[in-house]
Amino acid sequence: AEESKVKAFEEKSATIKVHHVRAV
């Protein structure tokens, strides 16, 4: 969850999406 949050922030996304979780 923490890594997905960072990934979403890097992509300037307000929400954590499925592709963020899968990438992490």
PDB file of all heavy atoms in Angstrom:
ATOM      1  N   ALA A   1       0.821  -1.203   0.000  1.00  0.00           N
ATOM      2  CA  ALA A   1       0.000   0.000   0.000  1.00  0.00           C
ATOM      3  C   ALA A   1       0.860   1.262   0.000  1.00  0.00           C
ATOM      4  O   ALA A   1       0.582   2.216  -0.742  1.00  0.00           O
ATOM      5  CB  ALA A   1      -0.936  -0.003   1.198  1.00  0.00           C
ATOM      6  N   GLU A   2       1.904   1.280   0.817  1.00  0.00           N
ATOM      7  CA  GLU A   2       2.786   2.448   0.878  1.00  0.00           C
ATOM      8  C   GLU A   2       3.499   2.677  -0.448  1.00  0.00           C
ATOM      9  O   GLU A   2       3.563   3.804  -0.944  1.00  0.00           O
ATOM     10  CB  GLU A   2       3.806   2.278   2.002  1.00  0.00           C
ATOM     11  CG  GLU A   2       3.224   2.384   3.388  1.00  0.00           C
ATOM     12  CD  GLU A   2       2.738   3.779   3.704  1.00  0.00           C
ATOM     13  OE1 GLU A   2       3.375   4.758   3.297  1.00  0.00           O
ATOM     14  OE2 GLU A   2       1.677   3.866   4.361  1.00  0.00           O
ATOM     15  N   GLU A   3       4.026   1.597  -1.029  1.00  0.00           N
ATOM     16  CA  GLU A   3       4.729   1.727  -2.305  1.00  0.00           C
ATOM     17  C   GLU A   3       3.777   2.145  -3.422  1.00  0.00           C
ATOM     18  O   GLU A   3       4.143   2.927  -4.308  1.00  0.00           O
ATOM     19  CB  GLU A   3       5.406   0.405  -2.668  1.00  0.00           C
ATOM     20  CG  GLU A   3       6.504  -0.017  -1.724  1.00  0.00           C
ATOM     21  CD  GLU A   3       7.823   0.684  -1.993  1.00  0.00           C
ATOM     22  OE1 GLU A   3       8.046   1.146  -3.127  1.00  0.00           O
ATOM     23  OE2 GLU A   3       8.627   0.766  -1.050  1.00  0.00           O
ATOM     24  N   SER A   4       2.550   1.656  -3.376  1.00  0.00           N
ATOM     25  CA  SER A   4       1.549   2.036  -4.386  1.00  0.00           C
ATOM     26  C   SER A   4       1.186   3.509  -4.247  1.00  0.00           C
ATOM     27  O   SER A   4       0.967   4.195  -5.250  1.00  0.00           O
ATOM     28  CB  SER A   4       0.293   1.185  -4.244  1.00  0.00           C
ATOM     29  OG  SER A   4       0.588  -0.162  -4.453  1.00  0.00           O
ATOM     30  N   LYS A   5       1.123   3.978  -3.012  1.00  0.00           N
ATOM     31  CA  LYS A   5       0.834   5.391  -2.778  1.00  0.00           C
ATOM     32  C   LYS A   5       1.947   6.272  -3.366  1.00  0.00           C
ATOM     33  O   LYS A   5       1.666   7.289  -4.011  1.00  0.00           O
ATOM     34  CB  LYS A   5       0.687   5.645  -1.283  1.00  0.00           C
ATOM     35  CG  LYS A   5       0.305   7.061  -0.930  1.00  0.00           C
ATOM     36  CD  LYS A   5      -0.001   7.200   0.542  1.00  0.00           C
ATOM     37  CE  LYS A   5       1.252   7.246   1.347  1.00  0.00           C
ATOM     38  NZ  LYS A   5       1.051   7.577   2.767  1.00  0.00           N
ATOM     39  N   VAL A   6       3.183   5.856  -3.181  1.00  0.00           N
ATOM     40  CA  VAL A   6       4.316   6.601  -3.733  1.00  0.00           C
ATOM     41  C   VAL A   6       4.266   6.596  -5.259  1.00  0.00           C
ATOM     42  O   VAL A   6       4.481   7.628  -5.908  1.00  0.00           O
ATOM     43  CB  VAL A   6       5.656   6.012  -3.222  1.00  0.00           C
ATOM     44  CG1 VAL A   6       6.834   6.578  -3.980  1.00  0.00           C
ATOM     45  CG2 VAL A   6       5.792   6.257  -1.734  1.00  0.00           C
ATOM     46  N   LYS A   7       3.943   5.433  -5.840  1.00  0.00           N
ATOM     47  CA  LYS A   7       3.855   5.311  -7.302  1.00  0.00           C
ATOM     48  C   LYS A   7       2.766   6.221  -7.850  1.00  0.00           C
ATOM     49  O   LYS A   7       2.955   6.896  -8.863  1.00  0.00           O
ATOM     50  CB  LYS A   7       3.583   3.853  -7.673  1.00  0.00           C
ATOM     51  CG  LYS A   7       3.481   3.579  -9.131  1.00  0.00           C
ATOM     52  CD  LYS A   7       4.835   3.500  -9.765  1.00  0.00           C
ATOM     53  CE  LYS A   7       4.708   2.986 -11.181  1.00  0.00           C
ATOM     54  NZ  LYS A   7       5.931   3.148 -11.919  1.00  0.00           N
ATOM     55  N   ALA A   8       1.616   6.263  -7.184  1.00  0.00           N
ATOM     56  CA  ALA A   8       0.525   7.135  -7.615  1.00  0.00           C
ATOM     57  C   ALA A   8       0.931   8.601  -7.509  1.00  0.00           C
ATOM     58  O   ALA A   8       0.620   9.408  -8.390  1.00  0.00           O
ATOM     59  CB  ALA A   8      -0.720   6.861  -6.793  1.00  0.00           C
ATOM     60  N   PHE A   9       1.640   8.960  -6.450  1.00  0.00           N
ATOM     61  CA  PHE A   9       2.099  10.330  -6.266  1.00  0.00           C
ATOM     62  C   PHE A   9       3.093  10.728  -7.357  1.00  0.00           C
ATOM     63  O   PHE A   9       3.048  11.848  -7.860  1.00  0.00           O
ATOM     64  CB  PHE A   9       2.739  10.485  -4.885  1.00  0.00           C
ATOM     65  CG  PHE A   9       3.183  11.886  -4.576  1.00  0.00           C
ATOM     66  CD1 PHE A   9       2.263  12.859  -4.259  1.00  0.00           C
ATOM     67  CD2 PHE A   9       4.532  12.227  -4.618  1.00  0.00           C
ATOM     68  CE1 PHE A   9       2.674  14.160  -3.970  1.00  0.00           C
ATOM     69  CE2 PHE A   9       4.952  13.510  -4.347  1.00  0.00           C
ATOM     70  CZ  PHE A   9       4.020  14.479  -4.020  1.00  0.00           C
ATOM     71  N   GLU A  10       3.976   9.791  -7.730  1.00  0.00           N
ATOM     72  CA  GLU A  10       4.944  10.065  -8.798  1.00  0.00           C
ATOM     73  C   GLU A  10       4.252  10.351 -10.126  1.00  0.00           C
ATOM     74  O   GLU A  10       4.726  11.161 -10.918  1.00  0.00           O
ATOM     75  CB  GLU A  10       5.898   8.876  -8.973  1.00  0.00           C
ATOM     76  CG  GLU A  10       6.898   8.725  -7.868  1.00  0.00           C
ATOM     77  CD  GLU A  10       7.713   7.445  -7.999  1.00  0.00           C
ATOM     78  OE1 GLU A  10       7.423   6.631  -8.894  1.00  0.00           O
ATOM     79  OE2 GLU A  10       8.631   7.269  -7.178  1.00  0.00           O
ATOM     80  N   GLU A  11       3.129   9.677 -10.359  1.00  0.00           N
ATOM     81  CA  GLU A  11       2.379   9.873 -11.601  1.00  0.00           C
ATOM     82  C   GLU A  11       1.340  10.976 -11.466  1.00  0.00           C
ATOM     83  O   GLU A  11       0.491  11.135 -12.347  1.00  0.00           O
ATOM     84  CB  GLU A  11       1.718   8.558 -12.013  1.00  0.00           C
ATOM     85  CG  GLU A  11       2.707   7.479 -12.379  1.00  0.00           C
ATOM     86  CD  GLU A  11       2.039   6.196 -12.826  1.00  0.00           C
ATOM     87  OE1 GLU A  11       0.800   6.166 -12.962  1.00  0.00           O
ATOM     88  OE2 GLU A  11       2.772   5.215 -13.036  1.00  0.00           O
ATOM     89  N   LYS A  12       1.396  11.716 -10.375  1.00  0.00           N
ATOM     90  CA  LYS A  12       0.486  12.828 -10.103  1.00  0.00           C
ATOM     91  C   LYS A  12      -0.975  12.399 -10.154  1.00  0.00           C
ATOM     92  O   LYS A  12      -1.831  13.091 -10.696  1.00  0.00           O
ATOM     93  CB  LYS A  12       0.752  13.976 -11.076  1.00  0.00           C
ATOM     94  CG  LYS A  12       2.129  14.585 -10.907  1.00  0.00           C
ATOM     95  CD  LYS A  12       2.340  15.722 -11.862  1.00  0.00           C
ATOM     96  CE  LYS A  12       3.591  16.462 -11.545  1.00  0.00           C
ATOM     97  NZ  LYS A  12       4.796  15.986 -12.064  1.00  0.00           N
ATOM     98  N   SER A  13      -1.238  11.254  -9.570  1.00  0.00           N
ATOM     99  CA  SER A  13      -2.593  10.730  -9.497  1.00  0.00           C
ATOM    100  C   SER A  13      -3.117  10.922  -8.072  1.00  0.00           C
ATOM    101  O   SER A  13      -2.386  10.712  -7.101  1.00  0.00           O
ATOM    102  CB  SER A  13      -2.600   9.246  -9.857  1.00  0.00           C
ATOM    103  OG  SER A  13      -3.892   8.712  -9.720  1.00  0.00           O
ATOM    104  N   ALA A  14      -4.384  11.318  -7.973  1.00  0.00           N
ATOM    105  CA  ALA A  14      -4.971  11.540  -6.648  1.00  0.00           C
ATOM    106  C   ALA A  14      -5.382  10.237  -5.977  1.00  0.00           C
ATOM    107  O   ALA A  14      -5.512  10.189  -4.755  1.00  0.00           O
ATOM    108  CB  ALA A  14      -6.180  12.458  -6.773  1.00  0.00           C
ATOM    109  N   THR A  15      -5.603   9.194  -6.772  1.00  0.00           N
ATOM    110  CA  THR A  15      -6.027   7.914  -6.202  1.00  0.00           C
ATOM    111  C   THR A  15      -5.070   6.811  -6.621  1.00  0.00           C
ATOM    112  O   THR A  15      -4.426   6.896  -7.662  1.00  0.00           O
ATOM    113  CB  THR A  15      -7.446   7.534  -6.678  1.00  0.00           C
ATOM    114  OG1 THR A  15      -7.447   7.477  -8.104  1.00  0.00           O
ATOM    115  CG2 THR A  15      -8.469   8.548  -6.216  1.00  0.00           C
ATOM    116  N   ILE A  16      -5.012   5.789  -5.788  1.00  0.00           N
ATOM    117  CA  ILE A  16      -4.217   4.609  -6.120  1.00  0.00           C
ATOM    118  C   ILE A  16      -5.064   3.724  -7.023  1.00  0.00           C
ATOM    119  O   ILE A  16      -6.163   3.328  -6.648  1.00  0.00           O
ATOM    120  CB  ILE A  16      -3.813   3.838  -4.851  1.00  0.00           C
ATOM    121  CG1 ILE A  16      -2.969   4.718  -3.941  1.00  0.00           C
ATOM    122  CG2 ILE A  16      -3.069   2.566  -5.202  1.00  0.00           C
ATOM    123  CD1 ILE A  16      -2.697   4.115  -2.586  1.00  0.00           C
ATOM    124  N   LYS A  17      -4.548   3.453  -8.197  1.00  0.00           N
ATOM    125  CA  LYS A  17      -5.293   2.647  -9.168  1.00  0.00           C
ATOM    126  C   LYS A  17      -4.660   1.265  -9.289  1.00  0.00           C
ATOM    127  O   LYS A  17      -3.583   1.003  -8.761  1.00  0.00           O
ATOM    128  CB  LYS A  17      -5.318   3.356 -10.512  1.00  0.00           C
ATOM    129  CG  LYS A  17      -6.036   4.688 -10.429  1.00  0.00           C
ATOM    130  CD  LYS A  17      -6.096   5.396 -11.739  1.00  0.00           C
ATOM    131  CE  LYS A  17      -6.815   6.725 -11.526  1.00  0.00           C
ATOM    132  NZ  LYS A  17      -6.678   7.606 -12.643  1.00  0.00           N
ATOM    133  N   VAL A  18      -5.360   0.390  -9.998  1.00  0.00           N
ATOM    134  CA  VAL A  18      -4.923  -1.005 -10.124  1.00  0.00           C
ATOM    135  C   VAL A  18      -3.533  -1.093 -10.738  1.00  0.00           C
ATOM    136  O   VAL A  18      -2.693  -1.873 -10.283  1.00  0.00           O
ATOM    137  CB  VAL A  18      -5.951  -1.801 -10.968  1.00  0.00           C
ATOM    138  CG1 VAL A  18      -5.447  -3.203 -11.225  1.00  0.00           C
ATOM    139  CG2 VAL A  18      -7.287  -1.832 -10.277  1.00  0.00           C
ATOM    140  N   HIS A  19      -3.261  -0.278 -11.755  1.00  0.00           N
ATOM    141  CA  HIS A  19      -1.950  -0.383 -12.406  1.00  0.00           C
ATOM    142  C   HIS A  19      -0.810   0.049 -11.492  1.00  0.00           C
ATOM    143  O   HIS A  19       0.315  -0.403 -11.645  1.00  0.00           O
ATOM    144  CB  HIS A  19      -1.935   0.363 -13.752  1.00  0.00           C
ATOM    145  CG  HIS A  19      -2.048   1.847 -13.639  1.00  0.00           C
ATOM    146  ND1 HIS A  19      -3.263   2.495 -13.562  1.00  0.00           N
ATOM    147  CD2 HIS A  19      -1.102   2.801 -13.597  1.00  0.00           C
ATOM    148  CE1 HIS A  19      -3.053   3.795 -13.478  1.00  0.00           C
ATOM    149  NE2 HIS A  19      -1.753   4.006 -13.501  1.00  0.00           N
ATOM    150  N   HIS A  20      -1.088   0.926 -10.527  1.00  0.00           N
ATOM    151  CA  HIS A  20      -0.051   1.290  -9.551  1.00  0.00           C
ATOM    152  C   HIS A  20       0.298   0.084  -8.678  1.00  0.00           C
ATOM    153  O   HIS A  20       1.482  -0.218  -8.464  1.00  0.00           O
ATOM    154  CB  HIS A  20      -0.531   2.435  -8.651  1.00  0.00           C
ATOM    155  CG  HIS A  20      -0.811   3.704  -9.378  1.00  0.00           C
ATOM    156  ND1 HIS A  20      -1.975   4.401  -9.195  1.00  0.00           N
ATOM    157  CD2 HIS A  20      -0.094   4.397 -10.295  1.00  0.00           C
ATOM    158  CE1 HIS A  20      -1.958   5.476  -9.955  1.00  0.00           C
ATOM    159  NE2 HIS A  20      -0.829   5.495 -10.643  1.00  0.00           N
ATOM    160  N   VAL A  21      -0.730  -0.615  -8.204  1.00  0.00           N
ATOM    161  CA  VAL A  21      -0.512  -1.773  -7.332  1.00  0.00           C
ATOM    162  C   VAL A  21       0.199  -2.883  -8.100  1.00  0.00           C
ATOM    163  O   VAL A  21       1.128  -3.514  -7.596  1.00  0.00           O
ATOM    164  CB  VAL A  21      -1.849  -2.273  -6.744  1.00  0.00           C
ATOM    165  CG1 VAL A  21      -1.634  -3.515  -5.904  1.00  0.00           C
ATOM    166  CG2 VAL A  21      -2.505  -1.175  -5.919  1.00  0.00           C
ATOM    167  N   ARG A  22      -0.238  -3.125  -9.340  1.00  0.00           N
ATOM    168  CA  ARG A  22       0.403  -4.181 -10.138  1.00  0.00           C
ATOM    169  C   ARG A  22       1.868  -3.880 -10.413  1.00  0.00           C
ATOM    170  O   ARG A  22       2.717  -4.778 -10.343  1.00  0.00           O
ATOM    171  CB  ARG A  22      -0.354  -4.367 -11.449  1.00  0.00           C
ATOM    172  CG  ARG A  22      -1.646  -5.090 -11.273  1.00  0.00           C
ATOM    173  CD  ARG A  22      -2.259  -5.450 -12.591  1.00  0.00           C
ATOM    174  NE  ARG A  22      -3.522  -6.127 -12.367  1.00  0.00           N
ATOM    175  CZ  ARG A  22      -4.570  -6.011 -13.151  1.00  0.00           C
ATOM    176  NH1 ARG A  22      -4.515  -5.264 -14.223  1.00  0.00           N
ATOM    177  NH2 ARG A  22      -5.683  -6.654 -12.868  1.00  0.00           N
ATOM    178  N   ALA A  23       2.179  -2.633 -10.741  1.00  0.00           N
ATOM    179  CA  ALA A  23       3.567  -2.262 -11.019  1.00  0.00           C
ATOM    180  C   ALA A  23       4.438  -2.464  -9.787  1.00  0.00           C
ATOM    181  O   ALA A  23       5.551  -3.004  -9.877  1.00  0.00           O
ATOM    182  CB  ALA A  23       3.633  -0.817 -11.493  1.00  0.00           C
ATOM    183  N   VAL A  24       3.931  -2.069  -8.648  1.00  0.00           N
ATOM    184  CA  VAL A  24       4.695  -2.211  -7.399  1.00  0.00           C
ATOM    185  C   VAL A  24       4.824  -3.686  -7.027  1.00  0.00           C
ATOM    186  O   VAL A  24       5.888  -4.129  -6.595  1.00  0.00           O
ATOM    187  CB  VAL A  24       4.021  -1.401  -6.267  1.00  0.00           C
ATOM    188  CG1 VAL A  24       4.649  -1.720  -4.931  1.00  0.00           C
ATOM    189  CG2 VAL A  24       4.125   0.080  -6.562  1.00  0.00           C
TER     190      VAL A  24
END
